[in-house]
Amino acid sequence: MKPTKFAKYLSEYLTVYLPNERGYSANTIFSYRDNMLLFLIFMRDKYNIGAEKIDFKDITQERVIDYLDWLESVRNNSISTRNSRLSSLHAFFRFLLYRSPEQLHEWHRILGIKVKRNYTASVMYLSPDGIKLLLEQPDTYKAKGRRDLALLSLMYESAGRVQEIADLTPSRVHFGKPTTLKIKGKGNKTRIVPISEQGARLLKMYMEEKGLLNDWANEQPLFDNGQGDKLSRKTIAVIIKKYAEKARQSNPAIIPEGISPHSMRHSKAMMLQDAGVNLIYIRDFLGHSSVTTTEIYARISTKQKLEAIEKTSLSPEPESLPIWHRNKGLLEMLENLGK
């Protein structure tokens, strides 16, 4: 069967354009690929058009909107996930603007689809006491527990994304004052992240036990599954969920439901924000491309605002004013007027 134009350009987009012209990492390309696979599954299930037959004439703005609604209603994706998948589709159709201009009008219609406003966006994070309780859960009498403790500690210390942590090797750890990690993030961008002395000591003890300080181990996974393979994102998520559930049994008030690998990143960012660290530094620490993304931590952090309000208050203590007590009857009379 002769491949369709859609198949031809999708293949070029994923195998040539993204890695060579855009320089995207393998993980980013996999994310774009997975989104296109979901779209193909939707077109097959909803419109009975198989992947081998789908062509440009089958793709319209209405069907793309239908796909986005399907993500929410059938797959139970969040609004932020829906918007992320729309962004991925937009990137593909911008690529098509110069490859298939005969459908230019439809591509512009698709590019005109707006992101959906998310009024319930929230950041799931742990307080300092919550982090401490979580780190108390691994059984350090067992090798796997010691690995898990080092993993949880480093995820918090570095505020790394789950894939960034999974990809770490001993060669990217530099012990010194301070100890730093060389983290490769989105778009293959590299950043140097310092960690605390206490976190560094814990990491070094773990690496010594595993033999990861030897030169021959430089490119081995920093955290493996026991068979020499690096931990997957899914496995790391399962590990965190297990210890979060265990910690919640001990103190549900400080361990909310829904803790995920990203919660460790959010927790570190929130504590940096509460400590008064400049947003520019937090942006660089997290590997955000824009400080706009980092501003969410400033918006949701009320602790500093409340402390500042209290410190700058010049109002007298109402209890220190005897006239307040003498006029209590008048106040009650005024409040009861019209009742």
C-alpha atoms as a PDB file:
ATOM      1  CA  MET A   1       0.000   0.000   0.000  1.00  0.00           C
ATOM      2  CA  LYS A   2       1.327   3.413  -0.970  1.00  0.00           C
ATOM      3  CA  PRO A   3       1.841   5.632   2.102  1.00  0.00           C
ATOM      4  CA  THR A   4      -0.369   8.697   2.387  1.00  0.00           C
ATOM      5  CA  LYS A   5       0.997  12.239   2.469  1.00  0.00           C
ATOM      6  CA  PHE A   6       0.072  12.380   6.139  1.00  0.00           C
ATOM      7  CA  ALA A   7       2.178   9.280   6.860  1.00  0.00           C
ATOM      8  CA  LYS A   8       5.082  10.662   4.840  1.00  0.00           C
ATOM      9  CA  TYR A   9       5.181  14.027   6.599  1.00  0.00           C
ATOM     10  CA  LEU A  10       4.553  12.611  10.067  1.00  0.00           C
ATOM     11  CA  SER A  11       7.521  10.295   9.615  1.00  0.00           C
ATOM     12  CA  GLU A  12       9.696  13.182   8.407  1.00  0.00           C
ATOM     13  CA  TYR A  13       8.534  15.322  11.345  1.00  0.00           C
ATOM     14  CA  LEU A  14       9.439  12.741  13.997  1.00  0.00           C
ATOM     15  CA  THR A  15      12.625  11.287  12.513  1.00  0.00           C
ATOM     16  CA  VAL A  16      14.226  14.250  10.728  1.00  0.00           C
ATOM     17  CA  TYR A  17      12.739  17.611  11.678  1.00  0.00           C
ATOM     18  CA  LEU A  18      12.517  17.282  15.467  1.00  0.00           C
ATOM     19  CA  PRO A  19      15.914  15.653  16.086  1.00  0.00           C
ATOM     20  CA  ASN A  20      17.959  17.378  13.374  1.00  0.00           C
ATOM     21  CA  GLU A  21      16.412  20.785  12.731  1.00  0.00           C
ATOM     22  CA  ARG A  22      15.005  21.408  16.207  1.00  0.00           C
ATOM     23  CA  GLY A  23      17.598  19.452  18.176  1.00  0.00           C
ATOM     24  CA  TYR A  24      15.009  17.929  20.506  1.00  0.00           C
ATOM     25  CA  SER A  25      15.976  15.159  22.906  1.00  0.00           C
ATOM     26  CA  ALA A  26      14.777  11.584  22.504  1.00  0.00           C
ATOM     27  CA  ASN A  27      12.402  11.973  25.463  1.00  0.00           C
ATOM     28  CA  THR A  28      10.790  15.059  23.954  1.00  0.00           C
ATOM     29  CA  ILE A  29      10.376  13.320  20.601  1.00  0.00           C
ATOM     30  CA  PHE A  30       8.797  10.317  22.334  1.00  0.00           C
ATOM     31  CA  SER A  31       6.301  12.682  23.942  1.00  0.00           C
ATOM     32  CA  TYR A  32       5.363  14.162  20.542  1.00  0.00           C
ATOM     33  CA  ARG A  33       5.136  10.661  19.084  1.00  0.00           C
ATOM     34  CA  ASP A  34       2.854   9.435  21.862  1.00  0.00           C
ATOM     35  CA  ASN A  35       0.506  12.363  21.293  1.00  0.00           C
ATOM     36  CA  MET A  36       0.248  11.587  17.579  1.00  0.00           C
ATOM     37  CA  LEU A  37      -0.402   7.921  18.425  1.00  0.00           C
ATOM     38  CA  LEU A  38      -3.279   8.975  20.667  1.00  0.00           C
ATOM     39  CA  PHE A  39      -4.694  11.099  17.866  1.00  0.00           C
ATOM     40  CA  LEU A  40      -4.480   8.142  15.465  1.00  0.00           C
ATOM     41  CA  ILE A  41      -6.247   5.894  17.994  1.00  0.00           C
ATOM     42  CA  PHE A  42      -8.978   8.503  18.359  1.00  0.00           C
ATOM     43  CA  MET A  43      -9.450   8.757  14.558  1.00  0.00           C
ATOM     44  CA  ARG A  44      -9.657   4.957  14.331  1.00  0.00           C
ATOM     45  CA  ASP A  45     -12.114   4.515  17.176  1.00  0.00           C
ATOM     46  CA  LYS A  46     -14.312   7.558  16.528  1.00  0.00           C
ATOM     47  CA  TYR A  47     -14.272   7.849  12.732  1.00  0.00           C
ATOM     48  CA  ASN A  48     -13.223   4.332  11.717  1.00  0.00           C
ATOM     49  CA  ILE A  49     -10.172   5.627   9.824  1.00  0.00           C
ATOM     50  CA  GLY A  50      -7.144   3.390  10.342  1.00  0.00           C
ATOM     51  CA  ALA A  51      -3.632   4.776  10.650  1.00  0.00           C
ATOM     52  CA  GLU A  52      -2.682   3.304   7.273  1.00  0.00           C
ATOM     53  CA  LYS A  53      -5.503   5.207   5.527  1.00  0.00           C
ATOM     54  CA  ILE A  54      -5.673   8.556   7.290  1.00  0.00           C
ATOM     55  CA  ASP A  55      -4.755  11.523   5.092  1.00  0.00           C
ATOM     56  CA  PHE A  56      -4.908  15.306   5.256  1.00  0.00           C
ATOM     57  CA  LYS A  57      -8.498  15.458   3.992  1.00  0.00           C
ATOM     58  CA  ASP A  58      -9.585  13.542   7.097  1.00  0.00           C
ATOM     59  CA  ILE A  59      -8.130  16.087   9.536  1.00  0.00           C
ATOM     60  CA  THR A  60     -10.229  19.150  10.301  1.00  0.00           C
ATOM     61  CA  GLN A  61     -10.478  21.714  13.043  1.00  0.00           C
ATOM     62  CA  GLU A  62     -13.729  20.142  14.212  1.00  0.00           C
ATOM     63  CA  ARG A  63     -12.129  16.724  14.565  1.00  0.00           C
ATOM     64  CA  VAL A  64      -9.141  18.104  16.439  1.00  0.00           C
ATOM     65  CA  ILE A  65     -11.502  19.810  18.903  1.00  0.00           C
ATOM     66  CA  ASP A  66     -13.416  16.532  19.161  1.00  0.00           C
ATOM     67  CA  TYR A  67     -10.128  14.793  19.964  1.00  0.00           C
ATOM     68  CA  LEU A  68      -9.334  17.291  22.729  1.00  0.00           C
ATOM     69  CA  ASP A  69     -12.781  16.781  24.255  1.00  0.00           C
ATOM     70  CA  TRP A  70     -12.276  13.013  24.010  1.00  0.00           C
ATOM     71  CA  LEU A  71      -9.077  13.313  26.013  1.00  0.00           C
ATOM     72  CA  GLU A  72     -11.035  14.908  28.853  1.00  0.00           C
ATOM     73  CA  SER A  73     -14.281  12.948  28.739  1.00  0.00           C
ATOM     74  CA  VAL A  74     -13.083   9.449  27.809  1.00  0.00           C
ATOM     75  CA  ARG A  75      -9.451   9.341  28.969  1.00  0.00           C
ATOM     76  CA  ASN A  76     -10.096  11.609  31.969  1.00  0.00           C
ATOM     77  CA  ASN A  77      -7.124  13.824  31.151  1.00  0.00           C
ATOM     78  CA  SER A  78      -6.767  17.071  33.075  1.00  0.00           C
ATOM     79  CA  ILE A  79      -7.134  20.438  31.377  1.00  0.00           C
ATOM     80  CA  SER A  80      -3.392  20.983  31.610  1.00  0.00           C
ATOM     81  CA  THR A  81      -2.784  17.653  29.837  1.00  0.00           C
ATOM     82  CA  ARG A  82      -5.347  18.576  27.186  1.00  0.00           C
ATOM     83  CA  ASN A  83      -3.550  21.885  26.633  1.00  0.00           C
ATOM     84  CA  SER A  84      -0.172  20.146  26.462  1.00  0.00           C
ATOM     85  CA  ARG A  85      -1.449  17.777  23.760  1.00  0.00           C
ATOM     86  CA  LEU A  86      -2.926  20.714  21.836  1.00  0.00           C
ATOM     87  CA  SER A  87       0.468  22.425  21.972  1.00  0.00           C
ATOM     88  CA  SER A  88       2.065  19.276  20.556  1.00  0.00           C
ATOM     89  CA  LEU A  89      -0.469  19.172  17.698  1.00  0.00           C
ATOM     90  CA  HIS A  90       0.067  22.852  16.984  1.00  0.00           C
ATOM     91  CA  ALA A  91       3.795  22.199  16.568  1.00  0.00           C
ATOM     92  CA  PHE A  92       3.072  19.532  13.942  1.00  0.00           C
ATOM     93  CA  PHE A  93       0.656  21.712  11.992  1.00  0.00           C
ATOM     94  CA  ARG A  94       3.077  24.648  12.017  1.00  0.00           C
ATOM     95  CA  PHE A  95       5.556  22.236  10.435  1.00  0.00           C
ATOM     96  CA  LEU A  96       2.947  21.407   7.756  1.00  0.00           C
ATOM     97  CA  LEU A  97       2.405  25.061   6.818  1.00  0.00           C
ATOM     98  CA  TYR A  98       5.487  24.890   4.591  1.00  0.00           C
ATOM     99  CA  ARG A  99       5.178  21.238   3.563  1.00  0.00           C
ATOM    100  CA  SER A 100       1.574  21.046   2.492  1.00  0.00           C
ATOM    101  CA  PRO A 101       0.393  24.574   1.578  1.00  0.00           C
ATOM    102  CA  GLU A 102      -2.630  23.247  -0.344  1.00  0.00           C
ATOM    103  CA  GLN A 103      -4.304  22.659   3.063  1.00  0.00           C
ATOM    104  CA  LEU A 104      -3.095  25.996   4.425  1.00  0.00           C
ATOM    105  CA  HIS A 105      -6.580  27.227   5.324  1.00  0.00           C
ATOM    106  CA  GLU A 106      -7.344  24.144   7.449  1.00  0.00           C
ATOM    107  CA  TRP A 107      -3.941  24.247   9.146  1.00  0.00           C
ATOM    108  CA  HIS A 108      -4.585  27.860  10.137  1.00  0.00           C
ATOM    109  CA  ARG A 109      -8.009  26.895  11.506  1.00  0.00           C
ATOM    110  CA  ILE A 110      -6.390  24.191  13.643  1.00  0.00           C
ATOM    111  CA  LEU A 111      -3.662  26.567  14.804  1.00  0.00           C
ATOM    112  CA  GLY A 112      -6.455  28.945  15.832  1.00  0.00           C
ATOM    113  CA  ILE A 113      -7.764  26.502  18.469  1.00  0.00           C
ATOM    114  CA  LYS A 114      -7.219  28.154  21.840  1.00  0.00           C
ATOM    115  CA  VAL A 115      -5.963  26.472  24.994  1.00  0.00           C
ATOM    116  CA  LYS A 116      -8.655  25.801  27.553  1.00  0.00           C
ATOM    117  CA  ARG A 117      -8.579  27.976  30.646  1.00  0.00           C
ATOM    118  CA  ASN A 118      -7.889  26.036  33.792  1.00  0.00           C
ATOM    119  CA  TYR A 119      -9.480  27.562  36.864  1.00  0.00           C
ATOM    120  CA  THR A 120      -8.629  24.623  39.130  1.00  0.00           C
ATOM    121  CA  ALA A 121      -4.902  24.434  38.501  1.00  0.00           C
ATOM    122  CA  SER A 122      -3.061  23.595  41.682  1.00  0.00           C
ATOM    123  CA  VAL A 123       0.399  22.664  42.782  1.00  0.00           C
ATOM    124  CA  MET A 124       0.647  19.545  44.949  1.00  0.00           C
ATOM    125  CA  TYR A 125       3.549  19.936  47.344  1.00  0.00           C
ATOM    126  CA  LEU A 126       4.681  18.851  50.808  1.00  0.00           C
ATOM    127  CA  SER A 127       5.592  21.008  53.787  1.00  0.00           C
ATOM    128  CA  PRO A 128       9.027  20.589  55.421  1.00  0.00           C
ATOM    129  CA  ASP A 129       7.424  18.282  57.989  1.00  0.00           C
ATOM    130  CA  GLY A 130       5.802  16.315  55.171  1.00  0.00           C
ATOM    131  CA  ILE A 131       9.148  15.837  53.399  1.00  0.00           C
ATOM    132  CA  LYS A 132      10.797  14.734  56.649  1.00  0.00           C
ATOM    133  CA  LEU A 133       8.041  12.194  57.296  1.00  0.00           C
ATOM    134  CA  LEU A 134       8.258  10.878  53.738  1.00  0.00           C
ATOM    135  CA  LEU A 135      12.019  10.396  54.047  1.00  0.00           C
ATOM    136  CA  GLU A 136      11.512   8.395  57.236  1.00  0.00           C
ATOM    137  CA  GLN A 137       9.519   5.696  55.436  1.00  0.00           C
ATOM    138  CA  PRO A 138      12.149   3.618  53.524  1.00  0.00           C
ATOM    139  CA  ASP A 139      13.469   0.620  55.457  1.00  0.00           C
ATOM    140  CA  THR A 140      17.199   1.369  55.538  1.00  0.00           C
ATOM    141  CA  TYR A 141      17.971  -2.107  56.896  1.00  0.00           C
ATOM    142  CA  LYS A 142      17.390  -3.257  53.308  1.00  0.00           C
ATOM    143  CA  ALA A 143      19.451  -2.338  50.242  1.00  0.00           C
ATOM    144  CA  LYS A 144      16.352  -1.357  48.269  1.00  0.00           C
ATOM    145  CA  GLY A 145      15.230   0.887  51.114  1.00  0.00           C
ATOM    146  CA  ARG A 146      18.611   2.641  51.142  1.00  0.00           C
ATOM    147  CA  ARG A 147      18.357   3.126  47.386  1.00  0.00           C
ATOM    148  CA  ASP A 148      14.840   4.533  47.760  1.00  0.00           C
ATOM    149  CA  LEU A 149      15.917   6.929  50.508  1.00  0.00           C
ATOM    150  CA  ALA A 150      18.770   8.246  48.349  1.00  0.00           C
ATOM    151  CA  LEU A 151      16.351   8.582  45.425  1.00  0.00           C
ATOM    152  CA  LEU A 152      13.683  10.476  47.390  1.00  0.00           C
ATOM    153  CA  SER A 153      16.286  12.709  49.013  1.00  0.00           C
ATOM    154  CA  LEU A 154      17.914  13.604  45.703  1.00  0.00           C
ATOM    155  CA  MET A 155      14.576  14.283  43.998  1.00  0.00           C
ATOM    156  CA  TYR A 156      13.790  16.824  46.694  1.00  0.00           C
ATOM    157  CA  GLU A 157      17.323  18.254  46.975  1.00  0.00           C
ATOM    158  CA  SER A 158      17.700  18.809  43.224  1.00  0.00           C
ATOM    159  CA  ALA A 159      14.040  19.530  42.346  1.00  0.00           C
ATOM    160  CA  GLY A 160      14.728  17.459  39.238  1.00  0.00           C
ATOM    161  CA  ARG A 161      12.069  16.257  36.861  1.00  0.00           C
ATOM    162  CA  VAL A 162      11.468  12.529  37.105  1.00  0.00           C
ATOM    163  CA  GLN A 163      13.123  11.813  33.746  1.00  0.00           C
ATOM    164  CA  GLU A 164      16.105  13.977  34.668  1.00  0.00           C
ATOM    165  CA  ILE A 165      16.619  11.916  37.823  1.00  0.00           C
ATOM    166  CA  ALA A 166      16.146   8.620  35.977  1.00  0.00           C
ATOM    167  CA  ASP A 167      18.818   9.647  33.436  1.00  0.00           C
ATOM    168  CA  LEU A 168      21.474  10.547  36.036  1.00  0.00           C
ATOM    169  CA  THR A 169      24.784   8.705  36.018  1.00  0.00           C
ATOM    170  CA  PRO A 170      27.683   8.889  38.531  1.00  0.00           C
ATOM    171  CA  SER A 171      29.673  10.979  36.034  1.00  0.00           C
ATOM    172  CA  ARG A 172      27.154  13.783  36.509  1.00  0.00           C
ATOM    173  CA  VAL A 173      27.722  13.977  40.262  1.00  0.00           C
ATOM    174  CA  HIS A 174      30.572  16.200  41.468  1.00  0.00           C
ATOM    175  CA  PHE A 175      31.337  15.978  45.181  1.00  0.00           C
ATOM    176  CA  GLY A 176      32.761  19.193  46.542  1.00  0.00           C
ATOM    177  CA  LYS A 177      31.725  22.367  48.330  1.00  0.00           C
ATOM    178  CA  PRO A 178      29.023  22.458  47.240  1.00  0.00           C
ATOM    179  CA  THR A 179      28.236  19.090  45.693  1.00  0.00           C
ATOM    180  CA  THR A 180      26.605  19.617  42.308  1.00  0.00           C
ATOM    181  CA  LEU A 181      24.637  17.630  39.761  1.00  0.00           C
ATOM    182  CA  LYS A 182      24.914  18.131  36.017  1.00  0.00           C
ATOM    183  CA  ILE A 183      21.326  17.720  34.886  1.00  0.00           C
ATOM    184  CA  LYS A 184      20.276  17.435  31.263  1.00  0.00           C
ATOM    185  CA  GLY A 185      16.763  18.824  30.960  1.00  0.00           C
ATOM    186  CA  LYS A 186      14.201  19.603  28.296  1.00  0.00           C
ATOM    187  CA  GLY A 187      15.604  20.315  24.854  1.00  0.00           C
ATOM    188  CA  ASN A 188      18.972  18.840  25.921  1.00  0.00           C
ATOM    189  CA  LYS A 189      19.647  21.971  27.989  1.00  0.00           C
ATOM    190  CA  THR A 190      22.150  21.349  30.767  1.00  0.00           C
ATOM    191  CA  ARG A 191      22.150  23.036  34.174  1.00  0.00           C
ATOM    192  CA  ILE A 192      24.330  22.692  37.264  1.00  0.00           C
ATOM    193  CA  VAL A 193      22.338  22.147  40.462  1.00  0.00           C
ATOM    194  CA  PRO A 194      23.876  22.311  43.962  1.00  0.00           C
ATOM    195  CA  ILE A 195      22.647  20.110  46.798  1.00  0.00           C
ATOM    196  CA  SER A 196      23.094  20.435  50.563  1.00  0.00           C
ATOM    197  CA  GLU A 197      25.993  18.905  52.486  1.00  0.00           C
ATOM    198  CA  GLN A 198      23.638  16.552  54.315  1.00  0.00           C
ATOM    199  CA  GLY A 199      22.031  15.432  51.064  1.00  0.00           C
ATOM    200  CA  ALA A 200      25.479  14.990  49.531  1.00  0.00           C
ATOM    201  CA  ARG A 201      26.653  12.773  52.412  1.00  0.00           C
ATOM    202  CA  LEU A 202      23.602  10.550  52.032  1.00  0.00           C
ATOM    203  CA  LEU A 203      24.155  10.289  48.270  1.00  0.00           C
ATOM    204  CA  LYS A 204      27.858   9.499  48.712  1.00  0.00           C
ATOM    205  CA  MET A 205      27.141   6.716  51.221  1.00  0.00           C
ATOM    206  CA  TYR A 206      24.669   5.188  48.776  1.00  0.00           C
ATOM    207  CA  MET A 207      27.124   5.430  45.871  1.00  0.00           C
ATOM    208  CA  GLU A 208      29.945   3.917  47.943  1.00  0.00           C
ATOM    209  CA  GLU A 209      27.764   0.955  48.850  1.00  0.00           C
ATOM    210  CA  LYS A 210      26.797   0.420  45.188  1.00  0.00           C
ATOM    211  CA  GLY A 211      30.369   0.814  43.907  1.00  0.00           C
ATOM    212  CA  LEU A 212      29.314   3.830  41.873  1.00  0.00           C
ATOM    213  CA  LEU A 213      32.347   5.912  42.846  1.00  0.00           C
ATOM    214  CA  ASN A 214      34.639   3.709  40.735  1.00  0.00           C
ATOM    215  CA  ASP A 215      35.712   5.031  37.330  1.00  0.00           C
ATOM    216  CA  TRP A 216      34.311   1.976  35.548  1.00  0.00           C
ATOM    217  CA  ALA A 217      30.838   2.823  36.888  1.00  0.00           C
ATOM    218  CA  ASN A 218      30.785   6.400  35.554  1.00  0.00           C
ATOM    219  CA  GLU A 219      28.076   5.801  32.951  1.00  0.00           C
ATOM    220  CA  GLN A 220      25.976   3.298  34.845  1.00  0.00           C
ATOM    221  CA  PRO A 221      22.527   4.406  36.049  1.00  0.00           C
ATOM    222  CA  LEU A 222      22.699   6.244  39.350  1.00  0.00           C
ATOM    223  CA  PHE A 223      19.489   4.456  40.359  1.00  0.00           C
ATOM    224  CA  ASP A 224      18.885   1.009  38.869  1.00  0.00           C
ATOM    225  CA  ASN A 225      16.215  -1.671  39.142  1.00  0.00           C
ATOM    226  CA  GLY A 226      18.532  -4.373  40.479  1.00  0.00           C
ATOM    227  CA  GLN A 227      19.302  -5.721  37.013  1.00  0.00           C
ATOM    228  CA  GLY A 228      21.500  -2.849  35.888  1.00  0.00           C
ATOM    229  CA  ASP A 229      18.797  -0.925  34.030  1.00  0.00           C
ATOM    230  CA  LYS A 230      17.846   2.592  35.040  1.00  0.00           C
ATOM    231  CA  LEU A 231      14.571   3.092  36.860  1.00  0.00           C
ATOM    232  CA  SER A 232      11.706   4.056  34.583  1.00  0.00           C
ATOM    233  CA  ARG A 233       9.506   7.057  35.202  1.00  0.00           C
ATOM    234  CA  LYS A 234       6.640   4.735  36.057  1.00  0.00           C
ATOM    235  CA  THR A 235       8.723   2.818  38.603  1.00  0.00           C
ATOM    236  CA  ILE A 236       9.830   6.029  40.314  1.00  0.00           C
ATOM    237  CA  ALA A 237       6.190   7.156  40.490  1.00  0.00           C
ATOM    238  CA  VAL A 238       5.241   3.821  42.095  1.00  0.00           C
ATOM    239  CA  ILE A 239       8.046   4.171  44.654  1.00  0.00           C
ATOM    240  CA  ILE A 240       6.914   7.653  45.690  1.00  0.00           C
ATOM    241  CA  LYS A 241       3.268   6.623  45.841  1.00  0.00           C
ATOM    242  CA  LYS A 242       4.145   3.666  48.083  1.00  0.00           C
ATOM    243  CA  TYR A 243       6.009   5.775  50.634  1.00  0.00           C
ATOM    244  CA  ALA A 244       3.464   8.601  50.466  1.00  0.00           C
ATOM    245  CA  GLU A 245       0.666   6.179  51.309  1.00  0.00           C
ATOM    246  CA  LYS A 246       2.723   4.753  54.166  1.00  0.00           C
ATOM    247  CA  ALA A 247       3.466   8.239  55.509  1.00  0.00           C
ATOM    248  CA  ARG A 248      -0.198   9.226  55.199  1.00  0.00           C
ATOM    249  CA  GLN A 249      -1.151   6.402  57.537  1.00  0.00           C
ATOM    250  CA  SER A 250       1.121   7.995  60.121  1.00  0.00           C
ATOM    251  CA  ASN A 251      -0.010  11.601  59.644  1.00  0.00           C
ATOM    252  CA  PRO A 252      -2.647  12.277  56.946  1.00  0.00           C
ATOM    253  CA  ALA A 253      -2.740  15.981  57.835  1.00  0.00           C
ATOM    254  CA  ILE A 254       0.690  16.668  56.293  1.00  0.00           C
ATOM    255  CA  ILE A 255       0.649  14.090  53.476  1.00  0.00           C
ATOM    256  CA  PRO A 256      -2.118  14.980  50.993  1.00  0.00           C
ATOM    257  CA  GLU A 257      -3.415  12.477  48.481  1.00  0.00           C
ATOM    258  CA  GLY A 258      -2.066  12.615  44.951  1.00  0.00           C
ATOM    259  CA  ILE A 259       1.640  12.968  45.772  1.00  0.00           C
ATOM    260  CA  SER A 260       3.713  12.294  42.638  1.00  0.00           C
ATOM    261  CA  PRO A 261       7.350  12.666  41.524  1.00  0.00           C
ATOM    262  CA  HIS A 262       6.581  16.238  40.482  1.00  0.00           C
ATOM    263  CA  SER A 263       5.417  16.978  44.035  1.00  0.00           C
ATOM    264  CA  MET A 264       9.023  16.639  45.210  1.00  0.00           C
ATOM    265  CA  ARG A 265      10.042  19.294  42.674  1.00  0.00           C
ATOM    266  CA  HIS A 266       7.175  21.564  43.714  1.00  0.00           C
ATOM    267  CA  SER A 267       8.048  21.095  47.398  1.00  0.00           C
ATOM    268  CA  LYS A 268      11.628  22.267  46.902  1.00  0.00           C
ATOM    269  CA  ALA A 269      10.507  25.227  44.806  1.00  0.00           C
ATOM    270  CA  MET A 270       7.952  26.275  47.408  1.00  0.00           C
ATOM    271  CA  MET A 271      10.524  26.093  50.208  1.00  0.00           C
ATOM    272  CA  LEU A 272      12.985  28.175  48.181  1.00  0.00           C
ATOM    273  CA  GLN A 273      10.219  30.702  47.614  1.00  0.00           C
ATOM    274  CA  ASP A 274       9.295  30.792  51.304  1.00  0.00           C
ATOM    275  CA  ALA A 275      12.973  31.244  52.195  1.00  0.00           C
ATOM    276  CA  GLY A 276      13.026  34.444  50.143  1.00  0.00           C
ATOM    277  CA  VAL A 277      15.107  33.141  47.240  1.00  0.00           C
ATOM    278  CA  ASN A 278      14.834  35.321  44.129  1.00  0.00           C
ATOM    279  CA  LEU A 279      12.556  33.946  41.397  1.00  0.00           C
ATOM    280  CA  ILE A 280      15.353  34.252  38.844  1.00  0.00           C
ATOM    281  CA  TYR A 281      17.474  31.821  40.862  1.00  0.00           C
ATOM    282  CA  ILE A 282      14.520  29.452  41.348  1.00  0.00           C
ATOM    283  CA  ARG A 283      13.927  29.574  37.576  1.00  0.00           C
ATOM    284  CA  ASP A 284      17.528  28.543  36.881  1.00  0.00           C
ATOM    285  CA  PHE A 285      17.449  25.911  39.627  1.00  0.00           C
ATOM    286  CA  LEU A 286      14.332  24.290  38.126  1.00  0.00           C
ATOM    287  CA  GLY A 287      15.481  24.651  34.530  1.00  0.00           C
ATOM    288  CA  HIS A 288      12.525  26.758  33.438  1.00  0.00           C
ATOM    289  CA  SER A 289      12.993  28.635  30.189  1.00  0.00           C
ATOM    290  CA  SER A 290      11.007  31.612  31.455  1.00  0.00           C
ATOM    291  CA  VAL A 291      10.470  33.145  34.877  1.00  0.00           C
ATOM    292  CA  THR A 292       6.760  33.307  33.986  1.00  0.00           C
ATOM    293  CA  THR A 293       6.538  29.571  34.615  1.00  0.00           C
ATOM    294  CA  THR A 294       8.260  29.971  37.982  1.00  0.00           C
ATOM    295  CA  GLU A 295       5.913  32.740  39.117  1.00  0.00           C
ATOM    296  CA  ILE A 296       3.289  30.164  40.092  1.00  0.00           C
ATOM    297  CA  TYR A 297       5.253  29.555  43.283  1.00  0.00           C
ATOM    298  CA  ALA A 298       5.137  33.227  44.173  1.00  0.00           C
ATOM    299  CA  ARG A 299       1.397  33.358  43.535  1.00  0.00           C
ATOM    300  CA  ILE A 300       0.515  30.387  45.708  1.00  0.00           C
ATOM    301  CA  SER A 301       2.934  31.095  48.550  1.00  0.00           C
ATOM    302  CA  THR A 302       1.052  33.083  51.196  1.00  0.00           C
ATOM    303  CA  LYS A 303       3.405  32.518  54.114  1.00  0.00           C
ATOM    304  CA  GLN A 304       5.762  35.377  53.245  1.00  0.00           C
ATOM    305  CA  LYS A 305       2.873  37.702  52.449  1.00  0.00           C
ATOM    306  CA  LEU A 306       1.203  37.018  55.776  1.00  0.00           C
ATOM    307  CA  GLU A 307       4.473  37.488  57.682  1.00  0.00           C
ATOM    308  CA  ALA A 308       5.131  40.777  55.881  1.00  0.00           C
ATOM    309  CA  ILE A 309       1.605  42.010  56.627  1.00  0.00           C
ATOM    310  CA  GLU A 310       2.026  41.201  60.326  1.00  0.00           C
ATOM    311  CA  LYS A 311       5.465  42.823  60.534  1.00  0.00           C
ATOM    312  CA  THR A 312       4.309  46.074  58.927  1.00  0.00           C
ATOM    313  CA  SER A 313       1.048  46.420  60.829  1.00  0.00           C
ATOM    314  CA  LEU A 314       0.843  49.635  62.905  1.00  0.00           C
ATOM    315  CA  SER A 315      -2.678  49.157  64.239  1.00  0.00           C
ATOM    316  CA  PRO A 316      -2.980  49.165  68.041  1.00  0.00           C
ATOM    317  CA  GLU A 317      -4.193  46.136  69.942  1.00  0.00           C
ATOM    318  CA  PRO A 318      -7.981  46.600  70.259  1.00  0.00           C
ATOM    319  CA  GLU A 319      -7.932  45.045  73.724  1.00  0.00           C
ATOM    320  CA  SER A 320      -5.646  47.866  74.917  1.00  0.00           C
ATOM    321  CA  LEU A 321      -8.304  50.501  74.200  1.00  0.00           C
ATOM    322  CA  PRO A 322     -10.743  50.926  77.114  1.00  0.00           C
ATOM    323  CA  ILE A 323     -13.074  52.999  74.946  1.00  0.00           C
ATOM    324  CA  TRP A 324     -13.702  49.876  72.856  1.00  0.00           C
ATOM    325  CA  HIS A 325     -15.275  48.194  75.863  1.00  0.00           C
ATOM    326  CA  ARG A 326     -17.227  51.291  76.953  1.00  0.00           C
ATOM    327  CA  ASN A 327     -18.851  51.573  73.507  1.00  0.00           C
ATOM    328  CA  LYS A 328     -19.695  47.902  73.204  1.00  0.00           C
ATOM    329  CA  GLY A 329     -23.366  48.556  73.921  1.00  0.00           C
ATOM    330  CA  LEU A 330     -23.517  51.199  71.195  1.00  0.00           C
ATOM    331  CA  LEU A 331     -21.855  48.881  68.695  1.00  0.00           C
ATOM    332  CA  GLU A 332     -24.332  46.132  69.487  1.00  0.00           C
ATOM    333  CA  MET A 333     -27.195  48.619  69.116  1.00  0.00           C
ATOM    334  CA  LEU A 334     -25.956  49.737  65.693  1.00  0.00           C
ATOM    335  CA  GLU A 335     -25.433  46.147  64.555  1.00  0.00           C
ATOM    336  CA  ASN A 336     -28.983  45.255  65.586  1.00  0.00           C
ATOM    337  CA  LEU A 337     -30.612  48.219  63.838  1.00  0.00           C
ATOM    338  CA  GLY A 338     -33.087  47.017  61.279  1.00  0.00           C
ATOM    339  CA  LYS A 339     -33.155  43.443  62.546  1.00  0.00           C
END
